């Protein structure tokens, strides 16, 4: 009888421990949802909700999204939402891109150099599931004079063009920071009534993988 009582007590103890761990886990998850989600997480979550349009319409810097835009999402592999030009630096174009598959959001930025003779094209891809931001290899669109423009992806040509127009790797990093923090993080934080500095810090704490200058062979 004593052994049976001890066995029952041990089972209850294990159940209580498991329940305690479950409660702690749920509490930590709740805290992460409230305080730990960075802006890219918030944007991803917003895009999956039924009232997604309303949430994005709160951001005055973003182009107004309507149901016709969903045609692009369903038929062209994703939905692109540009930031209005009047809110950006003169030579910048920035938009959010939502692929129709996977758990990613992309930020695309174009920087026009020398009156659009050269356009630097940059992509950032955020994996919401793993909370990883990948800075993808940049490419350049170059159109000298009246000639047809060409996209370049190889390291030799890209470095030659950057040197020709005196664009340094540090300049590229500054362009990326402007796109991510000054445009995406700040505008979303303002629209949602959140502290911009705290949101910037949370964004910096995710994992970054930098392939900006890792070009295909």
N, C-alpha and C. Protein backbone atom coordinates (compact mmCIF):
# COMPACT_ATOMS: atom_id res chain seq x y z
N UNK A 1 0.84 -1.22 0.00
CA UNK A 1 0.00 0.00 0.00
C UNK A 1 0.86 1.26 0.00
N UNK A 2 1.93 1.22 0.81
CA UNK A 2 2.83 2.37 0.90
C UNK A 2 3.49 2.65 -0.44
N UNK A 3 3.89 1.56 -1.13
CA UNK A 3 4.52 1.72 -2.43
C UNK A 3 3.56 2.34 -3.43
N UNK A 4 2.28 1.92 -3.34
CA UNK A 4 1.29 2.47 -4.26
C UNK A 4 1.08 3.96 -4.03
N UNK A 5 1.04 4.36 -2.74
CA UNK A 5 0.88 5.78 -2.42
C UNK A 5 2.08 6.58 -2.91
N UNK A 6 3.26 6.01 -2.71
CA UNK A 6 4.46 6.69 -3.18
C UNK A 6 4.45 6.83 -4.70
N UNK A 7 3.96 5.77 -5.37
CA UNK A 7 3.88 5.82 -6.83
C UNK A 7 2.90 6.87 -7.30
N UNK A 8 1.73 6.96 -6.65
CA UNK A 8 0.74 7.98 -7.01
C UNK A 8 1.30 9.38 -6.78
N UNK A 9 2.02 9.54 -5.66
CA UNK A 9 2.60 10.86 -5.35
C UNK A 9 3.62 11.26 -6.41
N UNK A 10 4.42 10.30 -6.84
CA UNK A 10 5.44 10.58 -7.86
C UNK A 10 4.78 10.98 -9.18
N UNK A 11 3.69 10.30 -9.54
CA UNK A 11 2.99 10.63 -10.77
C UNK A 11 2.41 12.04 -10.71
N UNK A 12 1.80 12.38 -9.54
CA UNK A 12 1.24 13.73 -9.38
C UNK A 12 2.34 14.78 -9.46
N UNK A 13 3.47 14.44 -8.87
CA UNK A 13 4.60 15.37 -8.89
C UNK A 13 5.08 15.63 -10.31
N UNK A 14 5.16 14.55 -11.10
CA UNK A 14 5.58 14.69 -12.50
C UNK A 14 4.58 15.53 -13.29
N UNK A 15 3.28 15.27 -13.04
CA UNK A 15 2.23 16.04 -13.73
C UNK A 15 2.32 17.52 -13.38
N UNK A 16 2.53 17.81 -12.09
CA UNK A 16 2.65 19.21 -11.65
C UNK A 16 3.86 19.88 -12.27
N UNK A 17 4.97 19.16 -12.36
CA UNK A 17 6.18 19.72 -12.98
C UNK A 17 5.93 20.03 -14.45
N UNK A 18 5.28 19.09 -15.15
CA UNK A 18 4.98 19.30 -16.57
C UNK A 18 4.03 20.47 -16.78
N UNK A 19 3.02 20.58 -15.92
CA UNK A 19 2.09 21.71 -16.01
C UNK A 19 2.80 23.02 -15.75
N UNK A 20 3.71 23.02 -14.78
CA UNK A 20 4.47 24.24 -14.46
C UNK A 20 5.33 24.66 -15.64
N UNK A 21 5.99 23.68 -16.26
CA UNK A 21 6.82 23.98 -17.43
C UNK A 21 5.97 24.51 -18.58
N UNK A 22 4.78 23.93 -18.76
CA UNK A 22 3.88 24.39 -19.82
C UNK A 22 3.45 25.82 -19.57
N UNK A 23 3.08 26.14 -18.33
CA UNK A 23 2.65 27.51 -17.99
C UNK A 23 3.80 28.49 -18.20
N UNK A 24 5.00 28.11 -17.76
CA UNK A 24 6.17 28.98 -17.94
C UNK A 24 6.43 29.21 -19.43
N UNK A 25 6.34 28.12 -20.22
CA UNK A 25 6.56 28.23 -21.65
C UNK A 25 5.55 29.14 -22.32
N UNK A 26 4.28 28.99 -21.95
CA UNK A 26 3.23 29.85 -22.52
C UNK A 26 3.43 31.30 -22.12
N UNK A 27 3.85 31.53 -20.88
CA UNK A 27 4.09 32.89 -20.41
C UNK A 27 5.25 33.52 -21.18
N UNK A 28 6.33 32.75 -21.38
CA UNK A 28 7.47 33.26 -22.13
C UNK A 28 7.09 33.55 -23.57
N UNK A 29 6.25 32.68 -24.16
CA UNK A 29 5.79 32.90 -25.53
C UNK A 29 4.96 34.17 -25.61
N UNK A 30 4.10 34.38 -24.61
CA UNK A 30 3.28 35.59 -24.58
C UNK A 30 4.16 36.83 -24.49
N UNK A 31 5.18 36.78 -23.63
CA UNK A 31 6.09 37.92 -23.51
C UNK A 31 6.81 38.19 -24.83
N UNK A 32 7.21 37.11 -25.52
CA UNK A 32 7.86 37.29 -26.81
C UNK A 32 6.92 37.93 -27.82
N UNK A 33 5.66 37.48 -27.80
CA UNK A 33 4.68 38.04 -28.73
C UNK A 33 4.48 39.52 -28.47
N UNK A 34 4.49 39.90 -27.21
CA UNK A 34 4.23 41.30 -26.85
C UNK A 34 5.48 42.15 -27.03
N UNK A 35 6.61 41.67 -26.52
CA UNK A 35 7.81 42.49 -26.45
C UNK A 35 8.93 42.08 -27.40
N UNK A 36 8.93 40.80 -27.83
CA UNK A 36 10.08 40.30 -28.56
C UNK A 36 9.99 40.34 -30.07
N UNK A 37 8.79 40.46 -30.62
CA UNK A 37 8.64 40.46 -32.07
C UNK A 37 9.22 41.73 -32.67
N UNK A 38 10.16 41.57 -33.59
CA UNK A 38 10.70 42.75 -34.25
C UNK A 38 9.75 43.21 -35.35
N UNK A 39 10.08 44.30 -36.00
CA UNK A 39 9.18 44.88 -37.00
C UNK A 39 8.91 43.92 -38.16
N UNK A 40 9.92 43.20 -38.61
CA UNK A 40 9.71 42.27 -39.71
C UNK A 40 8.77 41.13 -39.29
N UNK A 41 8.87 40.69 -38.04
CA UNK A 41 7.92 39.69 -37.52
C UNK A 41 6.51 40.27 -37.52
N UNK A 42 6.39 41.51 -37.07
CA UNK A 42 5.08 42.16 -36.99
C UNK A 42 4.46 42.32 -38.38
N UNK A 43 5.29 42.69 -39.35
CA UNK A 43 4.79 42.85 -40.72
C UNK A 43 4.34 41.51 -41.28
N UNK A 44 5.12 40.48 -41.03
CA UNK A 44 4.75 39.14 -41.51
C UNK A 44 3.43 38.69 -40.88
N UNK A 45 3.31 38.88 -39.57
CA UNK A 45 2.08 38.50 -38.87
C UNK A 45 0.89 39.30 -39.41
N UNK A 46 1.11 40.59 -39.64
CA UNK A 46 0.02 41.44 -40.14
C UNK A 46 -0.45 40.96 -41.51
N UNK A 47 0.49 40.53 -42.34
CA UNK A 47 0.15 40.11 -43.70
C UNK A 47 -0.66 38.82 -43.73
N UNK A 48 -0.64 38.06 -42.64
CA UNK A 48 -1.38 36.80 -42.60
C UNK A 48 -2.78 36.95 -42.01
N UNK A 49 -3.12 38.17 -41.58
CA UNK A 49 -4.42 38.38 -40.95
C UNK A 49 -5.47 38.81 -41.98
N UNK A 50 -6.73 38.60 -41.64
CA UNK A 50 -7.82 38.97 -42.55
C UNK A 50 -7.89 40.47 -42.77
N UNK A 51 -7.53 41.23 -41.73
CA UNK A 51 -7.60 42.69 -41.85
C UNK A 51 -6.25 43.28 -42.23
N UNK A 52 -5.48 42.52 -43.03
CA UNK A 52 -4.12 42.95 -43.39
C UNK A 52 -4.12 44.32 -44.06
N UNK A 53 -5.08 44.56 -44.97
CA UNK A 53 -5.11 45.84 -45.67
C UNK A 53 -5.19 47.00 -44.69
N UNK A 54 -6.05 46.86 -43.68
CA UNK A 54 -6.22 47.94 -42.71
C UNK A 54 -4.92 48.22 -41.96
N UNK A 55 -4.20 47.16 -41.59
CA UNK A 55 -2.95 47.34 -40.86
C UNK A 55 -1.90 48.04 -41.72
N UNK A 56 -1.84 47.69 -42.99
CA UNK A 56 -0.86 48.33 -43.87
C UNK A 56 -1.29 49.74 -44.25
N UNK A 57 -2.59 49.99 -44.28
CA UNK A 57 -3.07 51.34 -44.59
C UNK A 57 -2.75 52.33 -43.47
N UNK A 58 -2.42 51.82 -42.29
CA UNK A 58 -2.03 52.70 -41.19
C UNK A 58 -0.68 53.36 -41.45
N UNK A 59 0.08 52.77 -42.35
CA UNK A 59 1.42 53.30 -42.66
C UNK A 59 1.29 54.25 -43.84
N UNK A 60 1.28 55.57 -43.60
CA UNK A 60 1.03 56.51 -44.69
C UNK A 60 2.11 56.50 -45.76
N UNK A 61 3.30 56.02 -45.40
CA UNK A 61 4.40 56.01 -46.36
C UNK A 61 4.27 54.90 -47.41
N UNK A 62 3.40 53.90 -47.14
CA UNK A 62 3.21 52.79 -48.08
C UNK A 62 2.11 53.10 -49.08
N UNK A 63 2.29 52.61 -50.30
CA UNK A 63 1.25 52.73 -51.31
C UNK A 63 -0.02 52.02 -50.83
N UNK A 64 -1.17 52.58 -51.16
CA UNK A 64 -2.46 52.00 -50.78
C UNK A 64 -2.65 50.66 -51.49
N UNK A 65 -2.91 49.62 -50.71
CA UNK A 65 -3.09 48.28 -51.28
C UNK A 65 -4.58 47.99 -51.41
N UNK A 66 -4.97 47.43 -52.55
CA UNK A 66 -6.38 47.06 -52.72
C UNK A 66 -6.48 45.61 -53.20
N UNK A 67 -7.70 45.14 -53.36
CA UNK A 67 -7.91 43.73 -53.70
C UNK A 67 -7.40 43.38 -55.09
N UNK A 68 -7.31 44.36 -55.98
CA UNK A 68 -6.78 44.09 -57.31
C UNK A 68 -5.31 43.68 -57.25
N UNK A 69 -4.61 44.18 -56.23
CA UNK A 69 -3.20 43.83 -56.09
C UNK A 69 -3.01 42.35 -55.78
N UNK A 70 -4.03 41.70 -55.26
CA UNK A 70 -3.92 40.28 -54.95
C UNK A 70 -3.76 39.44 -56.21
N UNK A 71 -4.10 40.02 -57.37
CA UNK A 71 -3.90 39.30 -58.63
C UNK A 71 -2.41 39.01 -58.83
N UNK A 72 -1.58 40.01 -58.48
CA UNK A 72 -0.13 39.81 -58.58
C UNK A 72 0.32 38.71 -57.64
N UNK A 73 -0.25 38.70 -56.44
CA UNK A 73 0.15 37.71 -55.44
C UNK A 73 -0.16 36.30 -55.91
N UNK A 74 -1.31 36.13 -56.52
CA UNK A 74 -1.76 34.80 -56.92
C UNK A 74 -1.16 34.35 -58.25
N UNK A 75 -0.86 35.30 -59.14
CA UNK A 75 -0.45 34.92 -60.49
C UNK A 75 1.01 35.23 -60.82
N UNK A 76 1.65 36.06 -60.02
CA UNK A 76 3.04 36.41 -60.32
C UNK A 76 3.98 36.10 -59.16
N UNK A 77 3.56 35.21 -58.28
CA UNK A 77 4.46 34.72 -57.25
C UNK A 77 4.64 35.58 -56.03
N UNK A 78 3.90 36.69 -55.95
CA UNK A 78 4.03 37.52 -54.76
C UNK A 78 3.44 38.90 -54.95
N UNK A 79 3.43 39.65 -53.88
CA UNK A 79 2.85 41.00 -53.87
C UNK A 79 3.91 42.01 -53.47
N UNK A 80 4.05 43.06 -54.27
CA UNK A 80 5.01 44.12 -53.99
C UNK A 80 4.26 45.37 -53.53
N UNK A 81 4.71 45.94 -52.41
CA UNK A 81 4.10 47.18 -51.89
C UNK A 81 5.18 48.25 -51.81
N UNK A 82 5.16 49.23 -52.70
CA UNK A 82 6.19 50.27 -52.69
C UNK A 82 5.96 51.32 -51.60
N UNK A 83 7.04 51.92 -51.17
CA UNK A 83 6.96 53.11 -50.33
C UNK A 83 6.83 54.32 -51.25
N UNK A 84 5.99 55.27 -50.85
CA UNK A 84 5.75 56.45 -51.68
C UNK A 84 7.03 57.27 -51.80
N UNK A 85 7.28 57.73 -53.02
CA UNK A 85 8.54 58.41 -53.32
C UNK A 85 8.73 59.67 -52.51
N UNK A 86 7.64 60.35 -52.18
CA UNK A 86 7.77 61.63 -51.45
C UNK A 86 8.31 61.45 -50.04
N UNK A 87 8.29 60.22 -49.53
CA UNK A 87 8.80 59.97 -48.18
C UNK A 87 10.23 59.45 -48.18
N UNK A 88 10.78 59.22 -49.36
CA UNK A 88 12.12 58.64 -49.47
C UNK A 88 13.14 59.67 -49.91
N UNK A 89 14.41 59.34 -49.70
CA UNK A 89 15.46 60.18 -50.25
C UNK A 89 15.33 60.20 -51.77
N UNK A 90 15.77 61.27 -52.37
CA UNK A 90 15.50 61.53 -53.78
C UNK A 90 15.93 60.39 -54.71
N UNK A 91 17.06 59.77 -54.44
CA UNK A 91 17.59 58.77 -55.37
C UNK A 91 17.27 57.33 -54.96
N UNK A 92 16.31 57.15 -54.05
CA UNK A 92 15.96 55.82 -53.55
C UNK A 92 14.58 55.37 -54.00
N UNK A 93 14.45 54.06 -54.20
CA UNK A 93 13.16 53.40 -54.34
C UNK A 93 13.19 52.19 -53.41
N UNK A 94 12.15 52.03 -52.61
CA UNK A 94 12.10 50.93 -51.65
C UNK A 94 10.71 50.30 -51.68
N UNK A 95 10.66 48.98 -51.63
CA UNK A 95 9.35 48.33 -51.50
C UNK A 95 9.48 47.04 -50.70
N UNK A 96 8.34 46.61 -50.16
CA UNK A 96 8.23 45.32 -49.49
C UNK A 96 7.72 44.31 -50.50
N UNK A 97 8.26 43.10 -50.46
CA UNK A 97 7.79 42.06 -51.37
C UNK A 97 7.43 40.83 -50.56
N UNK A 98 6.21 40.34 -50.77
CA UNK A 98 5.70 39.18 -50.05
C UNK A 98 5.59 38.00 -51.02
N UNK A 99 6.54 37.07 -50.99
CA UNK A 99 6.44 35.89 -51.86
C UNK A 99 5.20 35.06 -51.50
N UNK A 100 4.61 34.44 -52.49
CA UNK A 100 3.39 33.66 -52.25
C UNK A 100 3.68 32.35 -51.53
N UNK A 101 4.96 31.95 -51.47
CA UNK A 101 5.33 30.71 -50.78
C UNK A 101 6.43 30.98 -49.76
N UNK A 102 6.46 30.16 -48.72
CA UNK A 102 7.52 30.26 -47.73
C UNK A 102 7.17 31.20 -46.59
N UNK A 103 8.15 31.44 -45.74
CA UNK A 103 7.95 32.27 -44.55
C UNK A 103 8.82 33.53 -44.63
N UNK A 104 8.98 34.07 -45.81
CA UNK A 104 9.90 35.20 -45.97
C UNK A 104 9.19 36.48 -46.39
N UNK A 105 9.86 37.59 -46.09
CA UNK A 105 9.50 38.91 -46.61
C UNK A 105 10.78 39.50 -47.18
N UNK A 106 10.68 40.15 -48.30
CA UNK A 106 11.85 40.78 -48.89
C UNK A 106 11.71 42.30 -48.86
N UNK A 107 12.84 42.96 -48.65
CA UNK A 107 12.91 44.41 -48.84
C UNK A 107 13.78 44.63 -50.06
N UNK A 108 13.25 45.36 -51.03
CA UNK A 108 14.02 45.65 -52.24
C UNK A 108 14.31 47.14 -52.29
N UNK A 109 15.53 47.48 -52.62
CA UNK A 109 15.89 48.89 -52.73
C UNK A 109 16.70 49.16 -53.98
N UNK A 110 16.35 50.23 -54.68
CA UNK A 110 17.13 50.71 -55.82
C UNK A 110 17.74 52.06 -55.47
N UNK A 111 19.01 52.22 -55.77
CA UNK A 111 19.68 53.51 -55.56
C UNK A 111 20.15 54.00 -56.92
N UNK A 112 19.63 55.14 -57.35
CA UNK A 112 19.99 55.69 -58.65
C UNK A 112 21.25 56.53 -58.53
N UNK A 113 22.25 56.17 -59.31
CA UNK A 113 23.54 56.86 -59.30
C UNK A 113 23.75 57.55 -60.64
N UNK A 114 24.24 58.77 -60.61
CA UNK A 114 24.59 59.51 -61.83
C UNK A 114 23.41 59.60 -62.80
N UNK A 115 22.30 60.15 -62.29
CA UNK A 115 21.11 60.36 -63.13
C UNK A 115 20.64 59.08 -63.80
N UNK A 116 20.61 58.01 -63.01
CA UNK A 116 20.09 56.71 -63.43
C UNK A 116 20.96 56.01 -64.47
N UNK A 117 22.20 56.52 -64.67
CA UNK A 117 23.13 55.78 -65.52
C UNK A 117 23.41 54.42 -64.90
N UNK A 118 23.50 54.42 -63.56
CA UNK A 118 23.73 53.17 -62.83
C UNK A 118 22.72 53.06 -61.70
N UNK A 119 22.09 51.90 -61.59
CA UNK A 119 21.15 51.65 -60.50
C UNK A 119 21.65 50.46 -59.69
N UNK A 120 21.91 50.70 -58.42
CA UNK A 120 22.34 49.63 -57.52
C UNK A 120 21.08 48.97 -56.95
N UNK A 121 20.97 47.66 -57.11
CA UNK A 121 19.78 46.93 -56.69
C UNK A 121 20.15 46.04 -55.50
N UNK A 122 19.44 46.22 -54.39
CA UNK A 122 19.74 45.48 -53.17
C UNK A 122 18.49 44.76 -52.68
N UNK A 123 18.70 43.56 -52.17
CA UNK A 123 17.61 42.77 -51.58
C UNK A 123 17.98 42.33 -50.17
N UNK A 124 17.00 42.38 -49.29
CA UNK A 124 17.12 41.77 -47.98
C UNK A 124 15.97 40.77 -47.85
N UNK A 125 16.27 39.59 -47.37
CA UNK A 125 15.26 38.55 -47.24
C UNK A 125 15.16 38.12 -45.79
N UNK A 126 13.97 38.32 -45.19
CA UNK A 126 13.78 37.98 -43.78
C UNK A 126 12.99 36.69 -43.65
N UNK A 127 13.61 35.71 -43.00
CA UNK A 127 12.97 34.43 -42.73
C UNK A 127 12.30 34.52 -41.37
N UNK A 128 10.97 34.68 -41.39
CA UNK A 128 10.23 34.86 -40.14
C UNK A 128 10.32 33.62 -39.25
N UNK A 129 10.28 32.45 -39.84
CA UNK A 129 10.27 31.21 -39.06
C UNK A 129 11.54 31.07 -38.22
N UNK A 130 12.69 31.43 -38.80
CA UNK A 130 13.97 31.29 -38.09
C UNK A 130 14.54 32.62 -37.61
N UNK A 131 13.83 33.71 -37.90
CA UNK A 131 14.24 35.06 -37.49
C UNK A 131 15.65 35.38 -37.98
N UNK A 132 15.85 35.19 -39.28
CA UNK A 132 17.14 35.43 -39.91
C UNK A 132 16.97 36.42 -41.05
N UNK A 133 17.78 37.47 -41.05
CA UNK A 133 17.78 38.46 -42.13
C UNK A 133 19.01 38.23 -43.00
N UNK A 134 18.78 37.92 -44.28
CA UNK A 134 19.88 37.69 -45.21
C UNK A 134 20.02 38.89 -46.14
N UNK A 135 21.21 39.47 -46.16
CA UNK A 135 21.52 40.55 -47.10
C UNK A 135 22.03 39.88 -48.37
N UNK A 136 21.22 39.90 -49.41
CA UNK A 136 21.54 39.14 -50.61
C UNK A 136 22.56 39.88 -51.48
N UNK A 137 23.24 39.15 -52.39
CA UNK A 137 24.24 39.79 -53.26
C UNK A 137 23.60 40.91 -54.08
N UNK A 138 24.28 42.04 -54.12
CA UNK A 138 23.73 43.16 -54.90
C UNK A 138 24.00 42.93 -56.38
N UNK A 139 23.21 43.57 -57.20
CA UNK A 139 23.51 43.60 -58.63
C UNK A 139 23.31 45.01 -59.13
N UNK A 140 23.79 45.27 -60.33
CA UNK A 140 23.79 46.63 -60.87
C UNK A 140 23.17 46.63 -62.26
N UNK A 141 22.30 47.61 -62.48
CA UNK A 141 21.77 47.87 -63.82
C UNK A 141 22.52 49.08 -64.36
N UNK A 142 23.15 48.91 -65.51
CA UNK A 142 24.01 49.98 -66.06
C UNK A 142 23.57 50.32 -67.48
N UNK A 143 23.33 51.62 -67.71
CA UNK A 143 22.88 52.07 -69.03
C UNK A 143 23.61 53.37 -69.40
N UNK A 144 24.79 53.24 -70.00
CA UNK A 144 25.53 54.44 -70.40
C UNK A 144 24.96 55.06 -71.67
N UNK A 145 24.65 56.35 -71.62
CA UNK A 145 24.15 57.04 -72.80
C UNK A 145 22.86 56.47 -73.32
N UNK A 146 22.78 56.30 -74.64
CA UNK A 146 21.57 55.80 -75.29
C UNK A 146 21.60 54.29 -75.48
N UNK A 147 22.64 53.65 -74.98
CA UNK A 147 22.76 52.20 -75.15
C UNK A 147 21.70 51.46 -74.34
N UNK A 148 21.47 50.21 -74.71
CA UNK A 148 20.56 49.38 -73.93
C UNK A 148 21.20 49.05 -72.59
N UNK A 149 20.40 49.03 -71.55
CA UNK A 149 20.93 48.73 -70.23
C UNK A 149 21.20 47.25 -70.03
N UNK A 150 22.10 46.96 -69.10
CA UNK A 150 22.47 45.57 -68.81
C UNK A 150 22.52 45.36 -67.30
N UNK A 151 22.04 44.19 -66.85
CA UNK A 151 22.17 43.81 -65.45
C UNK A 151 23.49 43.06 -65.27
N UNK A 152 24.22 43.44 -64.23
CA UNK A 152 25.48 42.77 -63.92
C UNK A 152 25.39 42.11 -62.55
N UNK A 153 25.88 40.87 -62.50
CA UNK A 153 25.87 40.11 -61.24
C UNK A 153 27.27 39.65 -60.85
N UNK A 154 28.25 39.82 -61.73
CA UNK A 154 29.59 39.30 -61.45
C UNK A 154 30.42 40.31 -60.65
N UNK A 155 31.31 39.80 -59.84
CA UNK A 155 32.09 40.65 -58.93
C UNK A 155 32.97 41.64 -59.66
N UNK A 156 33.63 41.22 -60.74
CA UNK A 156 34.57 42.10 -61.43
C UNK A 156 33.88 43.35 -61.96
N UNK A 157 32.78 43.18 -62.69
CA UNK A 157 32.08 44.33 -63.26
C UNK A 157 31.48 45.21 -62.18
N UNK A 158 30.92 44.59 -61.16
CA UNK A 158 30.29 45.36 -60.08
C UNK A 158 31.32 46.22 -59.36
N UNK A 159 32.47 45.64 -59.03
CA UNK A 159 33.50 46.42 -58.35
C UNK A 159 34.05 47.53 -59.25
N UNK A 160 34.17 47.26 -60.54
CA UNK A 160 34.64 48.29 -61.48
C UNK A 160 33.66 49.46 -61.54
N UNK A 161 32.37 49.16 -61.60
CA UNK A 161 31.37 50.23 -61.68
C UNK A 161 31.27 51.00 -60.37
N UNK A 162 31.35 50.31 -59.25
CA UNK A 162 31.33 51.00 -57.96
C UNK A 162 32.53 51.94 -57.84
N UNK A 163 33.69 51.47 -58.27
CA UNK A 163 34.90 52.31 -58.21
C UNK A 163 34.77 53.51 -59.15
N UNK A 164 34.23 53.27 -60.34
CA UNK A 164 34.08 54.35 -61.33
C UNK A 164 33.21 55.48 -60.79
N UNK A 165 32.15 55.14 -60.07
CA UNK A 165 31.23 56.16 -59.54
C UNK A 165 31.46 56.44 -58.06
N UNK A 166 32.62 56.00 -57.57
CA UNK A 166 33.08 56.31 -56.21
C UNK A 166 32.06 55.90 -55.14
N UNK A 167 31.51 54.71 -55.32
CA UNK A 167 30.61 54.14 -54.32
C UNK A 167 31.39 53.07 -53.56
N UNK A 168 31.54 53.24 -52.26
CA UNK A 168 32.32 52.32 -51.45
C UNK A 168 31.43 51.25 -50.81
N UNK A 169 32.07 50.23 -50.26
CA UNK A 169 31.32 49.20 -49.54
C UNK A 169 30.62 49.81 -48.33
N UNK A 170 31.26 50.80 -47.71
CA UNK A 170 30.63 51.49 -46.58
C UNK A 170 29.36 52.21 -47.03
N UNK A 171 29.40 52.81 -48.23
CA UNK A 171 28.20 53.46 -48.78
C UNK A 171 27.07 52.45 -48.93
N UNK A 172 27.40 51.25 -49.42
CA UNK A 172 26.39 50.21 -49.59
C UNK A 172 25.77 49.84 -48.25
N UNK A 173 26.60 49.70 -47.22
CA UNK A 173 26.09 49.38 -45.88
C UNK A 173 25.15 50.48 -45.39
N UNK A 174 25.50 51.72 -45.66
CA UNK A 174 24.65 52.84 -45.25
C UNK A 174 23.32 52.81 -46.01
N UNK A 175 23.36 52.46 -47.29
CA UNK A 175 22.11 52.33 -48.05
C UNK A 175 21.22 51.26 -47.43
N UNK A 176 21.82 50.12 -47.07
CA UNK A 176 21.05 49.02 -46.48
C UNK A 176 20.44 49.44 -45.14
N UNK A 177 21.23 50.13 -44.33
CA UNK A 177 20.71 50.58 -43.03
C UNK A 177 19.58 51.58 -43.20
N UNK A 178 19.71 52.45 -44.20
CA UNK A 178 18.64 53.41 -44.47
C UNK A 178 17.35 52.67 -44.84
N UNK A 179 17.45 51.70 -45.74
CA UNK A 179 16.28 50.93 -46.17
C UNK A 179 15.61 50.23 -45.00
N UNK A 180 16.41 49.51 -44.21
CA UNK A 180 15.84 48.68 -43.15
C UNK A 180 15.36 49.51 -41.98
N UNK A 181 16.22 50.38 -41.47
CA UNK A 181 15.90 51.07 -40.22
C UNK A 181 15.14 52.39 -40.43
N UNK A 182 15.65 53.26 -41.30
CA UNK A 182 15.01 54.56 -41.48
C UNK A 182 13.67 54.46 -42.21
N UNK A 183 13.59 53.53 -43.15
CA UNK A 183 12.34 53.40 -43.91
C UNK A 183 11.41 52.38 -43.26
N UNK A 184 11.79 51.11 -43.25
CA UNK A 184 10.86 50.06 -42.83
C UNK A 184 10.57 50.11 -41.33
N UNK A 185 11.61 50.07 -40.50
CA UNK A 185 11.40 50.01 -39.05
C UNK A 185 10.75 51.28 -38.52
N UNK A 186 11.27 52.43 -38.92
CA UNK A 186 10.74 53.69 -38.37
C UNK A 186 9.30 53.95 -38.77
N UNK A 187 8.97 53.73 -40.04
CA UNK A 187 7.60 54.04 -40.49
C UNK A 187 6.59 53.08 -39.87
N UNK A 188 6.95 51.80 -39.76
CA UNK A 188 6.03 50.84 -39.14
C UNK A 188 5.86 51.15 -37.66
N UNK A 189 6.95 51.48 -36.98
CA UNK A 189 6.88 51.79 -35.54
C UNK A 189 6.00 53.00 -35.29
N UNK A 190 6.17 54.04 -36.09
CA UNK A 190 5.33 55.24 -35.94
C UNK A 190 3.86 54.90 -36.13
N UNK A 191 3.56 54.12 -37.16
CA UNK A 191 2.17 53.80 -37.48
C UNK A 191 1.51 52.95 -36.39
N UNK A 192 2.29 52.10 -35.73
CA UNK A 192 1.74 51.21 -34.71
C UNK A 192 1.89 51.79 -33.30
N UNK A 193 2.39 53.01 -33.20
CA UNK A 193 2.53 53.66 -31.90
C UNK A 193 3.60 53.04 -31.01
N UNK A 194 4.67 52.53 -31.63
CA UNK A 194 5.74 51.90 -30.87
C UNK A 194 6.97 52.79 -30.82
N UNK A 195 7.82 52.54 -29.82
CA UNK A 195 9.05 53.31 -29.65
C UNK A 195 10.06 52.90 -30.73
N UNK A 196 10.48 53.87 -31.55
CA UNK A 196 11.36 53.56 -32.68
C UNK A 196 12.71 53.01 -32.23
N UNK A 197 13.27 53.59 -31.18
CA UNK A 197 14.59 53.14 -30.73
C UNK A 197 14.54 51.70 -30.24
N UNK A 198 13.50 51.36 -29.49
CA UNK A 198 13.37 49.98 -29.01
C UNK A 198 13.17 49.01 -30.17
N UNK A 199 12.38 49.43 -31.16
CA UNK A 199 12.14 48.56 -32.32
C UNK A 199 13.41 48.39 -33.15
N UNK A 200 14.22 49.43 -33.23
CA UNK A 200 15.50 49.31 -33.95
C UNK A 200 16.41 48.32 -33.25
N UNK A 201 16.45 48.39 -31.92
CA UNK A 201 17.30 47.48 -31.15
C UNK A 201 16.84 46.03 -31.31
N UNK A 202 15.52 45.81 -31.29
CA UNK A 202 15.00 44.45 -31.47
C UNK A 202 15.37 43.92 -32.86
N UNK A 203 15.31 44.80 -33.84
CA UNK A 203 15.67 44.38 -35.20
C UNK A 203 17.14 44.01 -35.29
N UNK A 204 17.98 44.76 -34.60
CA UNK A 204 19.42 44.48 -34.63
C UNK A 204 19.75 43.16 -33.96
N UNK A 205 18.88 42.69 -33.06
CA UNK A 205 19.15 41.48 -32.30
C UNK A 205 18.81 40.19 -33.05
N UNK A 206 18.20 40.30 -34.23
CA UNK A 206 17.96 39.07 -34.98
C UNK A 206 19.27 38.65 -35.65
N UNK A 207 19.30 37.46 -36.22
CA UNK A 207 20.51 36.96 -36.87
C UNK A 207 20.63 37.55 -38.27
N UNK A 208 21.80 38.14 -38.57
CA UNK A 208 22.06 38.70 -39.90
C UNK A 208 23.08 37.82 -40.62
N UNK A 209 22.79 37.52 -41.87
CA UNK A 209 23.74 36.82 -42.74
C UNK A 209 24.04 37.75 -43.91
N UNK A 210 25.29 38.15 -44.04
CA UNK A 210 25.66 39.17 -45.02
C UNK A 210 26.31 38.54 -46.26
N UNK A 211 25.54 38.49 -47.35
CA UNK A 211 26.06 38.01 -48.63
C UNK A 211 26.13 39.15 -49.66
N UNK A 212 26.17 40.38 -49.18
CA UNK A 212 26.13 41.53 -50.08
C UNK A 212 27.18 41.45 -51.17
N UNK A 213 28.39 41.07 -50.79
CA UNK A 213 29.49 41.02 -51.74
C UNK A 213 29.95 39.58 -52.00
N UNK A 214 29.03 38.65 -51.84
CA UNK A 214 29.31 37.25 -52.18
C UNK A 214 28.64 36.95 -53.51
N UNK A 215 29.40 37.07 -54.58
CA UNK A 215 28.83 36.99 -55.92
C UNK A 215 28.96 35.58 -56.49
N UNK A 216 28.01 35.19 -57.35
CA UNK A 216 28.11 33.87 -57.99
C UNK A 216 29.32 33.81 -58.91
N UNK A 217 29.93 32.66 -58.97
CA UNK A 217 31.11 32.48 -59.83
C UNK A 217 30.71 32.43 -61.30
